[in-house]
Protein backbone atom coordinates (compact mmCIF):
# COMPACT_ATOMS: atom_id res chain seq x y z
CA MET A 1 23.61 11.79 6.80
CA THR A 2 20.07 10.98 5.69
CA ASP A 3 17.25 12.14 7.94
CA GLN A 4 15.30 8.96 8.68
CA SER A 5 12.74 10.46 11.03
CA PRO A 6 9.14 9.89 9.96
CA ALA A 7 7.89 12.57 7.58
CA ARG A 8 4.99 14.75 8.64
CA ILE A 9 2.56 13.27 6.14
CA SER A 10 -1.19 13.03 6.53
CA PRO A 11 -2.32 9.45 7.12
CA ALA A 12 -5.05 9.97 4.54
CA ILE A 13 -4.65 7.20 1.97
CA ARG A 14 -5.91 8.13 -1.49
CA GLY A 15 -5.15 7.54 -5.14
CA LEU A 16 -2.61 5.14 -6.55
CA TYR A 17 -1.16 2.89 -3.86
CA ALA A 18 1.89 1.36 -5.53
CA ILE A 19 3.24 -1.95 -4.19
CA THR A 20 6.74 -2.94 -5.21
CA PRO A 21 7.38 -6.15 -7.16
CA ASP A 22 9.73 -8.90 -5.92
CA GLU A 23 12.80 -7.32 -7.50
CA THR A 24 16.26 -8.23 -6.20
CA ASP A 25 18.11 -5.79 -8.48
CA SER A 26 18.07 -2.69 -6.28
CA SER A 27 19.06 -0.27 -9.04
CA ARG A 28 16.26 -1.53 -11.25
CA LEU A 29 13.80 -1.33 -8.36
CA ARG A 30 14.81 2.24 -7.64
CA ASP A 31 14.28 3.28 -11.26
CA MET A 32 10.88 1.61 -11.37
CA VAL A 33 9.72 3.24 -8.16
CA ALA A 34 11.09 6.63 -9.22
CA ALA A 35 8.97 6.42 -12.36
CA ALA A 36 5.85 5.50 -10.38
CA LEU A 37 6.36 8.39 -7.96
CA SER A 38 7.00 10.85 -10.76
CA GLY A 39 3.74 9.67 -12.32
CA GLY A 40 1.77 10.52 -9.20
CA ALA A 41 1.67 7.47 -6.95
CA GLY A 42 0.32 8.71 -3.61
CA VAL A 43 1.56 5.86 -1.42
CA LEU A 44 4.35 3.32 -1.80
CA GLN A 45 4.40 -0.04 -0.07
CA TYR A 46 7.71 -1.89 0.02
CA ARG A 47 7.08 -5.61 -0.40
CA ASN A 48 9.71 -8.12 -1.53
CA LYS A 49 9.14 -11.80 -0.80
CA ARG A 50 12.34 -12.85 -2.61
CA ALA A 51 14.77 -10.71 -0.61
CA ASP A 52 16.58 -11.75 2.55
CA ARG A 53 16.63 -9.51 5.62
CA SER A 54 19.80 -7.68 4.61
CA LEU A 55 18.51 -6.86 1.14
CA ARG A 56 15.11 -5.81 2.46
CA HIS A 57 16.80 -3.37 4.83
CA GLU A 58 19.00 -1.99 2.05
CA GLN A 59 16.11 -1.57 -0.37
CA ALA A 60 13.76 -0.10 2.22
CA VAL A 61 16.31 2.59 3.17
CA MET A 62 16.86 3.37 -0.51
CA LEU A 63 13.15 3.72 -1.18
CA LEU A 64 12.58 5.77 1.95
CA GLU A 65 15.04 8.38 0.68
CA LEU A 66 13.25 8.43 -2.66
CA CYS A 67 9.83 8.75 -1.05
CA ARG A 68 11.05 11.63 1.12
CA ARG A 69 11.98 13.59 -1.99
CA HIS A 70 8.49 13.07 -3.42
CA GLN A 71 6.72 13.63 -0.08
CA VAL A 72 5.03 10.25 -0.39
CA PRO A 73 4.66 7.89 2.58
CA LEU A 74 6.59 4.62 2.56
CA ILE A 75 4.67 1.70 4.05
CA VAL A 76 6.56 -1.50 4.89
CA ASN A 77 4.72 -4.75 4.22
CA ASP A 78 4.40 -7.12 7.19
CA ASP A 79 7.57 -6.10 9.05
CA VAL A 80 6.97 -3.83 12.04
CA MET A 81 10.59 -4.07 13.18
CA LEU A 82 11.98 -3.02 9.79
CA CYS A 83 9.54 -0.12 9.67
CA ASN A 84 10.72 1.02 13.09
CA GLU A 85 14.43 0.49 12.34
CA ILE A 86 14.52 2.72 9.28
CA GLY A 87 11.91 5.26 10.36
CA ALA A 88 9.43 4.42 7.60
CA ASP A 89 6.04 6.11 7.63
CA GLY A 90 4.07 2.99 8.45
CA VAL A 91 3.41 -0.71 8.13
CA HIS A 92 0.80 -2.87 6.46
CA LEU A 93 -0.28 -5.99 8.35
CA GLY A 94 -1.96 -9.09 6.96
CA GLY A 95 -4.10 -11.47 8.94
CA SER A 96 -1.13 -13.36 10.36
CA ASP A 97 1.48 -10.59 10.48
CA GLY A 98 1.20 -9.55 14.11
CA ASP A 99 -1.03 -7.78 16.57
CA LEU A 100 -2.22 -4.38 15.43
CA ARG A 101 -2.31 -3.04 18.97
CA ARG A 102 1.32 -4.03 19.56
CA ALA A 103 2.29 -2.39 16.29
CA ARG A 104 0.53 0.81 17.38
CA ALA A 105 2.34 0.77 20.71
CA LEU A 106 5.71 0.48 18.95
CA LEU A 107 5.09 2.84 16.03
CA GLY A 108 3.16 5.58 17.77
CA ASP A 109 1.24 7.77 15.33
CA ARG A 110 2.74 6.27 12.19
CA ILE A 111 0.42 4.76 9.57
CA ILE A 112 -0.90 1.24 10.10
CA GLY A 113 -2.94 -0.54 7.45
CA ALA A 114 -4.71 -3.87 7.76
CA SER A 115 -5.70 -6.49 5.21
CA CYS A 116 -9.33 -7.42 5.79
CA TYR A 117 -9.80 -9.69 2.75
CA ASN A 118 -13.59 -10.00 2.31
CA ASP A 119 -14.50 -9.78 6.00
CA PRO A 120 -16.41 -6.74 7.34
CA GLU A 121 -15.83 -7.86 10.91
CA LEU A 122 -12.06 -7.79 10.42
CA ALA A 123 -12.44 -4.23 9.18
CA ARG A 124 -14.49 -3.25 12.23
CA GLN A 125 -11.89 -4.77 14.54
CA ALA A 126 -9.04 -3.09 12.65
CA GLU A 127 -10.70 0.30 13.10
CA LEU A 128 -11.35 -0.42 16.79
CA HIS A 129 -7.71 -1.35 17.36
CA GLY A 130 -6.26 1.73 15.71
CA ALA A 131 -5.78 1.05 11.99
CA ASP A 132 -5.45 4.09 9.73
CA TYR A 133 -6.84 2.29 6.69
CA VAL A 134 -8.14 -1.11 5.64
CA ALA A 135 -7.67 -3.09 2.44
CA PHE A 136 -10.27 -5.37 0.84
CA GLY A 137 -9.32 -7.93 -1.79
CA ALA A 138 -8.82 -9.69 -4.03
CA CYS A 139 -11.34 -7.54 -5.85
CA PHE A 140 -10.50 -9.16 -9.19
CA PRO A 141 -8.54 -12.30 -10.20
CA SER A 142 -4.93 -11.75 -9.12
CA ARG A 143 -1.77 -13.14 -10.70
CA THR A 144 0.22 -12.20 -7.59
CA LYS A 145 -2.09 -14.19 -5.31
CA PRO A 146 -4.16 -16.49 -7.53
CA GLN A 147 -5.65 -18.35 -4.54
CA ALA A 148 -6.79 -15.19 -2.75
CA VAL A 149 -10.39 -15.00 -1.58
CA HIS A 150 -12.69 -12.82 -3.66
CA ALA A 151 -13.86 -9.55 -2.13
CA GLY A 152 -16.94 -8.10 -3.80
CA LEU A 153 -17.01 -4.40 -4.58
CA GLU A 154 -20.14 -4.06 -2.46
CA LEU A 155 -17.80 -4.07 0.56
CA PHE A 156 -16.79 -0.52 -0.30
CA GLY A 157 -20.40 0.61 -0.30
CA TRP A 158 -20.83 -0.98 3.11
CA GLY A 159 -17.64 0.65 4.36
CA ARG A 160 -18.75 4.12 3.32
CA THR A 161 -21.35 4.10 6.09
CA ALA A 162 -19.91 1.54 8.54
CA LEU A 163 -16.30 2.76 8.73
CA ARG A 164 -14.50 6.06 9.17
CA LEU A 165 -11.32 4.82 7.51
CA PRO A 166 -9.94 5.01 3.98
CA MET A 167 -10.47 1.75 2.08
CA VAL A 168 -7.97 0.31 -0.37
CA ALA A 169 -8.95 -2.02 -3.22
CA ILE A 170 -6.35 -4.68 -3.96
CA GLY A 171 -6.08 -7.76 -6.14
CA GLY A 172 -6.05 -7.83 -9.92
CA ILE A 173 -6.38 -4.06 -10.28
CA THR A 174 -5.83 -2.86 -13.86
CA LEU A 175 -6.51 0.33 -15.80
CA GLN A 176 -9.58 -1.39 -17.19
CA ASN A 177 -11.22 -2.26 -13.86
CA ALA A 178 -9.82 0.26 -11.36
CA GLY A 179 -12.62 2.69 -12.12
CA LEU A 180 -15.16 0.15 -10.87
CA ALA A 181 -13.44 0.03 -7.49
CA VAL A 182 -13.23 3.81 -7.30
CA ALA A 183 -16.91 4.16 -8.18
CA ALA A 184 -17.78 1.58 -5.52
CA GLY A 185 -16.10 3.70 -2.86
CA ALA A 186 -12.43 2.72 -2.72
CA SER A 187 -10.21 5.55 -1.49
CA ALA A 188 -7.17 4.04 -3.22
CA VAL A 189 -6.23 1.23 -5.56
CA ALA A 190 -3.24 -0.98 -4.76
CA VAL A 191 -1.37 -2.05 -7.87
CA ILE A 192 1.69 -4.19 -8.57
CA GLY A 193 1.76 -5.89 -11.98
CA ALA A 194 -0.39 -3.51 -14.00
CA LEU A 195 1.93 -0.69 -12.91
CA PHE A 196 5.42 -2.12 -12.71
CA GLU A 197 5.11 -4.46 -15.69
CA SER A 198 3.87 -1.71 -17.97
CA GLU A 199 6.08 -0.34 -20.75
CA ASP A 200 5.87 3.21 -19.39
CA ILE A 201 5.51 3.14 -15.60
CA ALA A 202 5.25 6.90 -15.17
CA HIS A 203 2.52 7.17 -17.81
CA THR A 204 0.60 4.27 -16.30
CA ALA A 205 0.87 5.84 -12.84
CA ARG A 206 -0.59 9.06 -14.22
CA GLN A 207 -3.50 7.15 -15.75
CA PHE A 208 -4.31 5.51 -12.43
CA SER A 209 -3.90 8.77 -10.52
CA ARG A 210 -6.26 10.67 -12.82
CA MET A 211 -9.10 8.40 -11.75
CA PHE A 212 -9.08 10.25 -8.44
CA ASP A 213 -9.13 13.77 -9.85
CA GLY A 214 -12.04 15.91 -8.84
């Protein structure tokens, strides 16, 4: 029987923050994620907007087992109940995905991240209400969310002094521009397409991860 209790993993969020694509073929998804983890992804977020509840549960359990082997936290996108059901390491909440304080009450000391878009006040409130990290984006034009608001990289400079939380850059992150976000102060870069659509996922993961060496 698989141990589904939350792993004892530091809530520090750093490096390559891999976000799964909308893949309904679970075997293919597992292979893709395994490659990303072997390449050094430091965090995995399970996100699948095409899957129904049953498939999301199945895939999340599958990926949790994989993440346990790599000692990498699994964050569930938007779904506090699914996170709690399977014993995932945390949840990521968008602006309309539920109350952060209620999530904290349910999940205890597990990781909670919050999307703050381009709004410093949202980030302040997220920190006040118990978030473990915040995400700003879209930092660059995004194919996943083409209508997303633009978040300037200056937000990370502001956050270095105004916040005590790790900051994740998201939206249009590629190997060509990720270094700009890191230099601006991002603790991690969240990547979907540039990672999982690459010809060699493990190699691409290593390239992203090396940006945080030193």
